[in-house]
Amino acid sequence: MDSKRIKILIVVSLMVMEGFVWTITSPISAWSLGIIGGADGPEKIIISDKGTEDRNTQKDNEDLENPPKEDRPPGDEPAQTENEKTRKALIQEAKEKGLLILVNKQHTVDRNYKPEDLKEIRYYAPDRSASSRYMRAEAADAFHKLVEAAALENMELVMTTAYRSYDFQKTLFDNYVAKEGEEAANRYSAKPGQSEHQTGLSVDVTSASVGYQLTDKFGETKEGIWLAEHAHLFGFIIRFPEGKEAITGYLYEPWHIRYVGVEAATEIYEQGLTLEEYLDQQSE
């Protein structure tokens, strides 16, 4: 047999082998046959799993598009992480402004403390002390917006008292003690130095529906319900919620709201927390 016929037989044999291999494999994992050699005949035959090769290539591409977290370049975090950074920045800003100051029976305010940025409030019950118609500027502006938003829904909200000095609080508490005794007074009135009103961030709110008085019934009025559901949108929280006396140290006061900033107020409202619980959560 001459060399030309031998070459033809070899080529035909290789074609038959390739067809056989293709037949016994699925299209997804088809085998690829290659011939390496010169014109005088093959020197090496290579059979590869094309499907595996494609899958490996696809996996490599996916790894490039979604690298492990530790391999991601700085600034390539998901949007949720960016939102978390923004949230933390806003909370930190509120802390730096003193908006998250905790004042209660365990955390007191110095006798001489008085905010430097007190601003007069425009909406108030006229028969109360004019000296208490002040809040810290940011809180006062937020309160004005809250009252004006309620007015758009045909509801009147006014303040009865906001900022109180240490001495004013002492006079108030001593009067309650004289009437009902210290144990009873301590459940609904703060001792001097323990009142949030001295921070200029708290305000007592009422309406004509309860005769401009401070009463639990306010929480059942349309104004009180609206306040409880919308105060956080303006940066305020109901400071002494119902059923939380063991935590706050005071009875339920649907009229007493405290400014903490919109971000913190929203989180407190959505999670049903007191300020004490929220600050504990932040310190974890």
Protein backbone atom coordinates (compact mmCIF):
# COMPACT_ATOMS: atom_id res chain seq x y z
CA MET A 1 0.00 0.00 0.00
CA ASP A 2 1.48 3.34 -1.06
CA SER A 3 1.90 6.28 1.30
CA LYS A 4 -0.90 8.30 -0.29
CA ARG A 5 -3.49 5.61 0.42
CA ILE A 6 -2.20 5.24 3.97
CA LYS A 7 -2.73 8.97 4.64
CA ILE A 8 -6.26 8.78 3.22
CA LEU A 9 -7.11 5.84 5.50
CA ILE A 10 -5.77 7.67 8.54
CA VAL A 11 -7.85 10.81 7.84
CA VAL A 12 -10.99 8.71 7.25
CA SER A 13 -10.40 6.81 10.48
CA LEU A 14 -10.05 10.04 12.43
CA MET A 15 -13.30 11.39 10.97
CA VAL A 16 -15.09 8.18 12.00
CA MET A 17 -13.66 8.47 15.53
CA GLU A 18 -14.81 12.09 15.88
CA GLY A 19 -18.33 11.21 14.75
CA PHE A 20 -18.46 8.37 17.26
CA VAL A 21 -17.31 10.56 20.14
CA TRP A 22 -19.86 13.28 19.25
CA THR A 23 -22.66 10.69 19.15
CA ILE A 24 -22.07 9.30 22.65
CA THR A 25 -21.96 12.73 24.27
CA SER A 26 -24.71 15.26 24.76
CA PRO A 27 -24.71 18.60 22.87
CA ILE A 28 -24.22 20.40 26.18
CA SER A 29 -21.02 18.57 26.98
CA ALA A 30 -19.89 17.77 23.40
CA TRP A 31 -16.37 16.59 22.95
CA SER A 32 -13.97 18.37 20.63
CA LEU A 33 -11.34 16.47 18.70
CA GLY A 34 -8.22 18.20 17.46
CA ILE A 35 -5.29 17.06 15.37
CA ILE A 36 -1.87 18.50 15.82
CA GLY A 37 0.66 17.65 13.14
CA GLY A 38 1.95 18.34 9.70
CA ALA A 39 0.77 17.36 6.21
CA ASP A 40 2.30 13.89 6.53
CA GLY A 41 -0.10 12.84 9.29
CA PRO A 42 -1.09 13.48 12.92
CA GLU A 43 1.53 13.58 15.63
CA LYS A 44 -0.94 14.02 18.52
CA ILE A 45 -4.69 13.68 18.97
CA ILE A 46 -6.40 15.87 21.65
CA ILE A 47 -9.95 15.21 22.85
CA SER A 48 -11.46 17.87 25.19
CA ASP A 49 -14.79 18.33 26.99
CA LYS A 50 -16.09 21.46 25.27
CA GLY A 51 -19.09 21.77 27.62
CA THR A 52 -16.86 21.76 30.69
CA GLU A 53 -14.64 24.33 29.04
CA ASP A 54 -17.63 26.60 28.34
CA ARG A 55 -18.94 26.23 31.88
CA ASN A 56 -15.54 27.05 33.35
CA THR A 57 -15.32 30.11 31.12
CA GLN A 58 -18.82 31.21 32.24
CA LYS A 59 -17.88 30.73 35.90
CA ASP A 60 -14.71 32.74 35.45
CA ASN A 61 -16.75 35.57 33.89
CA GLU A 62 -19.26 35.47 36.77
CA ASP A 63 -16.41 35.60 39.31
CA LEU A 64 -15.05 38.68 37.57
CA GLU A 65 -18.45 40.36 37.62
CA ASN A 66 -19.20 39.41 41.26
CA PRO A 67 -15.90 39.15 43.11
CA PRO A 68 -15.90 38.01 46.75
CA LYS A 69 -16.56 40.81 49.23
CA GLU A 70 -12.95 40.84 50.41
CA ASP A 71 -11.73 41.26 46.80
CA ARG A 72 -14.02 44.16 45.93
CA PRO A 73 -12.28 47.48 45.40
CA PRO A 74 -13.07 50.30 47.87
CA GLY A 75 -16.29 52.13 47.07
CA ASP A 76 -17.81 49.09 45.33
CA GLU A 77 -20.22 48.21 48.18
CA PRO A 78 -23.91 47.44 47.50
CA ALA A 79 -26.48 50.25 47.71
CA GLN A 80 -27.78 48.90 51.02
CA THR A 81 -24.37 49.49 52.59
CA GLU A 82 -24.38 53.05 51.29
CA ASN A 83 -27.82 53.56 52.85
CA GLU A 84 -26.48 52.22 56.13
CA LYS A 85 -23.56 54.64 55.96
CA THR A 86 -25.97 57.53 55.39
CA ARG A 87 -28.15 56.39 58.30
CA LYS A 88 -25.19 56.19 60.65
CA ALA A 89 -23.94 59.58 59.51
CA LEU A 90 -27.31 61.19 60.26
CA ILE A 91 -27.49 59.56 63.70
CA GLN A 92 -23.95 60.68 64.45
CA GLU A 93 -24.84 64.21 63.39
CA ALA A 94 -27.85 64.19 65.74
CA LYS A 95 -25.60 63.04 68.59
CA GLU A 96 -23.08 65.78 67.89
CA LYS A 97 -25.86 68.37 67.96
CA GLY A 98 -26.98 67.06 71.33
CA LEU A 99 -30.36 65.95 69.96
CA LEU A 100 -30.03 62.47 71.45
CA ILE A 101 -29.14 63.61 74.95
CA LEU A 102 -30.74 61.31 77.53
CA VAL A 103 -32.29 63.00 80.53
CA ASN A 104 -34.21 60.91 83.06
CA LYS A 105 -34.02 59.81 86.69
CA GLN A 106 -30.60 58.28 86.14
CA HIS A 107 -29.15 60.94 83.81
CA THR A 108 -29.42 64.51 85.02
CA VAL A 109 -28.78 68.01 83.69
CA ASP A 110 -26.61 70.54 85.50
CA ARG A 111 -28.47 73.25 87.34
CA ASN A 112 -26.89 76.00 85.23
CA TYR A 113 -27.46 74.36 81.86
CA LYS A 114 -29.42 76.43 79.36
CA PRO A 115 -29.39 75.99 75.55
CA GLU A 116 -27.75 78.86 73.71
CA ASP A 117 -30.01 78.67 70.65
CA LEU A 118 -33.49 79.00 72.16
CA LYS A 119 -36.12 80.27 69.73
CA GLU A 120 -39.62 81.48 70.46
CA ILE A 121 -42.52 79.24 69.45
CA ARG A 122 -45.37 80.74 67.44
CA TYR A 123 -48.16 78.35 68.38
CA TYR A 124 -49.07 78.22 72.05
CA ALA A 125 -51.92 78.23 74.56
CA PRO A 126 -52.17 81.88 75.63
CA ASP A 127 -52.88 81.26 79.31
CA ARG A 128 -49.49 79.66 80.07
CA SER A 129 -46.14 81.12 81.09
CA ALA A 130 -44.52 83.19 78.34
CA SER A 131 -41.08 82.20 79.61
CA SER A 132 -41.70 78.60 78.57
CA ARG A 133 -42.50 79.41 74.90
CA TYR A 134 -39.02 78.51 73.69
CA MET A 135 -37.22 75.53 72.19
CA ARG A 136 -33.87 74.98 70.61
CA ALA A 137 -33.98 76.55 67.15
CA GLU A 138 -34.01 73.34 65.11
CA ALA A 139 -36.68 71.81 67.34
CA ALA A 140 -38.79 75.00 67.23
CA ASP A 141 -38.69 75.08 63.42
CA ALA A 142 -39.69 71.40 63.29
CA PHE A 143 -42.54 72.03 65.71
CA HIS A 144 -43.86 74.85 63.56
CA LYS A 145 -43.90 72.53 60.54
CA LEU A 146 -45.71 69.86 62.56
CA VAL A 147 -48.41 72.27 63.72
CA GLU A 148 -48.86 73.68 60.22
CA ALA A 149 -49.15 70.18 58.73
CA ALA A 150 -51.87 69.34 61.26
CA ALA A 151 -53.68 72.58 60.37
CA LEU A 152 -53.84 71.47 56.74
CA GLU A 153 -55.95 68.57 58.00
CA ASN A 154 -58.19 70.89 60.03
CA MET A 155 -56.58 70.12 63.39
CA GLU A 156 -55.27 72.66 65.87
CA LEU A 157 -52.23 71.82 67.95
CA VAL A 158 -50.57 74.23 70.37
CA MET A 159 -47.92 74.02 73.07
CA THR A 160 -48.51 74.63 76.75
CA THR A 161 -44.88 74.51 77.88
CA ALA A 162 -41.52 73.81 76.32
CA TYR A 163 -38.24 75.04 77.86
CA ARG A 164 -38.14 75.09 81.65
CA SER A 165 -35.23 76.20 83.78
CA TYR A 166 -33.94 74.14 86.69
CA ASP A 167 -35.52 76.53 89.18
CA PHE A 168 -38.89 76.54 87.38
CA GLN A 169 -38.91 72.73 87.46
CA LYS A 170 -38.08 72.73 91.16
CA THR A 171 -41.04 74.98 91.91
CA LEU A 172 -43.32 72.80 89.81
CA PHE A 173 -42.19 69.54 91.41
CA ASP A 174 -42.36 70.92 94.95
CA ASN A 175 -45.98 71.99 94.34
CA TYR A 176 -46.92 68.48 93.19
CA VAL A 177 -45.21 66.97 96.23
CA ALA A 178 -47.13 69.31 98.54
CA LYS A 179 -50.42 68.21 96.97
CA GLU A 180 -49.90 64.46 96.50
CA GLY A 181 -46.68 63.41 98.17
CA GLU A 182 -43.28 62.72 96.62
CA GLU A 183 -43.94 59.13 95.60
CA ALA A 184 -47.01 60.07 93.56
CA ALA A 185 -45.41 63.21 92.15
CA ASN A 186 -42.34 61.29 91.03
CA ARG A 187 -44.45 59.14 88.71
CA TYR A 188 -45.56 62.02 86.51
CA SER A 189 -43.30 64.97 87.29
CA ALA A 190 -39.52 65.20 87.08
CA LYS A 191 -37.32 66.41 89.86
CA PRO A 192 -35.20 69.45 89.00
CA GLY A 193 -32.26 68.36 86.85
CA GLN A 194 -34.18 65.30 85.64
CA SER A 195 -36.55 67.11 83.27
CA GLU A 196 -36.17 66.96 79.49
CA HIS A 197 -37.79 70.38 79.30
CA GLN A 198 -34.51 71.92 80.49
CA THR A 199 -32.85 70.71 77.27
CA GLY A 200 -35.15 72.81 75.09
CA LEU A 201 -35.98 69.70 73.05
CA SER A 202 -39.32 68.77 74.62
CA VAL A 203 -42.74 70.35 74.34
CA ASP A 204 -46.15 69.55 75.78
CA VAL A 205 -48.89 69.66 73.15
CA THR A 206 -52.64 70.02 73.49
CA SER A 207 -55.77 71.07 71.61
CA ALA A 208 -59.17 72.66 72.02
CA SER A 209 -60.78 69.20 72.04
CA VAL A 210 -59.50 68.70 75.62
CA GLY A 211 -59.82 72.32 76.71
CA TYR A 212 -56.09 72.91 76.16
CA GLN A 213 -55.33 70.71 79.15
CA LEU A 214 -52.72 67.97 79.55
CA THR A 215 -54.69 64.77 79.95
CA ASP A 216 -54.57 61.12 78.89
CA LYS A 217 -57.78 61.73 76.95
CA PHE A 218 -55.77 63.76 74.46
CA GLY A 219 -54.35 60.48 73.15
CA GLU A 220 -57.87 59.42 72.13
CA THR A 221 -58.70 62.58 70.22
CA LYS A 222 -58.16 62.92 66.48
CA GLU A 223 -55.40 65.42 67.23
CA GLY A 224 -53.68 63.05 69.65
CA ILE A 225 -53.94 60.12 67.26
CA TRP A 226 -52.60 62.23 64.40
CA LEU A 227 -49.70 63.39 66.58
CA ALA A 228 -48.77 59.83 67.56
CA GLU A 229 -48.81 58.72 63.91
CA HIS A 230 -47.07 61.71 62.34
CA ALA A 231 -44.72 63.24 64.92
CA HIS A 232 -41.75 61.18 63.70
CA LEU A 233 -42.05 62.72 60.24
CA PHE A 234 -40.97 66.00 61.83
CA GLY A 235 -38.32 64.53 64.13
CA PHE A 236 -40.42 64.07 67.28
CA ILE A 237 -41.29 61.02 69.37
CA ILE A 238 -43.91 60.39 72.05
CA ARG A 239 -41.40 60.40 74.87
CA PHE A 240 -43.44 58.49 77.46
CA PRO A 241 -45.45 55.82 75.59
CA GLU A 242 -48.22 53.81 77.16
CA GLY A 243 -47.06 50.64 78.93
CA LYS A 244 -43.42 51.74 79.12
CA GLU A 245 -43.38 53.23 82.63
CA ALA A 246 -40.91 50.61 83.87
CA ILE A 247 -38.43 51.84 81.27
CA THR A 248 -39.03 55.60 81.16
CA GLY A 249 -39.88 56.01 84.84
CA TYR A 250 -43.02 58.03 84.08
CA LEU A 251 -46.69 57.46 83.38
CA TYR A 252 -48.09 57.59 79.84
CA GLU A 253 -48.07 61.14 78.45
CA PRO A 254 -49.57 61.37 74.95
CA TRP A 255 -48.97 65.12 74.97
CA HIS A 256 -45.22 65.12 75.69
CA ILE A 257 -43.10 64.99 72.54
CA ARG A 258 -39.33 65.11 72.25
CA TYR A 259 -37.22 66.22 69.31
CA VAL A 260 -34.46 63.78 68.25
CA GLY A 261 -34.24 64.42 64.50
CA VAL A 262 -36.14 62.70 61.69
CA GLU A 263 -33.82 59.70 61.25
CA ALA A 264 -33.82 58.65 64.91
CA ALA A 265 -37.50 59.50 65.39
CA THR A 266 -38.47 57.33 62.42
CA GLU A 267 -36.45 54.38 63.69
CA ILE A 268 -37.88 54.74 67.20
CA TYR A 269 -41.42 54.98 65.83
CA GLU A 270 -41.11 52.03 63.44
CA GLN A 271 -39.57 49.77 66.09
CA GLY A 272 -41.90 50.86 68.90
CA LEU A 273 -39.03 51.83 71.19
CA THR A 274 -38.50 54.33 73.96
CA LEU A 275 -35.54 56.68 73.78
CA GLU A 276 -33.81 54.60 76.46
CA GLU A 277 -34.20 51.41 74.44
CA TYR A 278 -33.08 53.09 71.26
CA LEU A 279 -29.91 54.50 72.79
CA ASP A 280 -29.11 51.11 74.33
CA GLN A 281 -29.51 49.61 70.87
CA GLN A 282 -27.16 52.21 69.38
CA SER A 283 -24.45 51.42 71.90
CA GLU A 284 -24.40 47.69 71.05
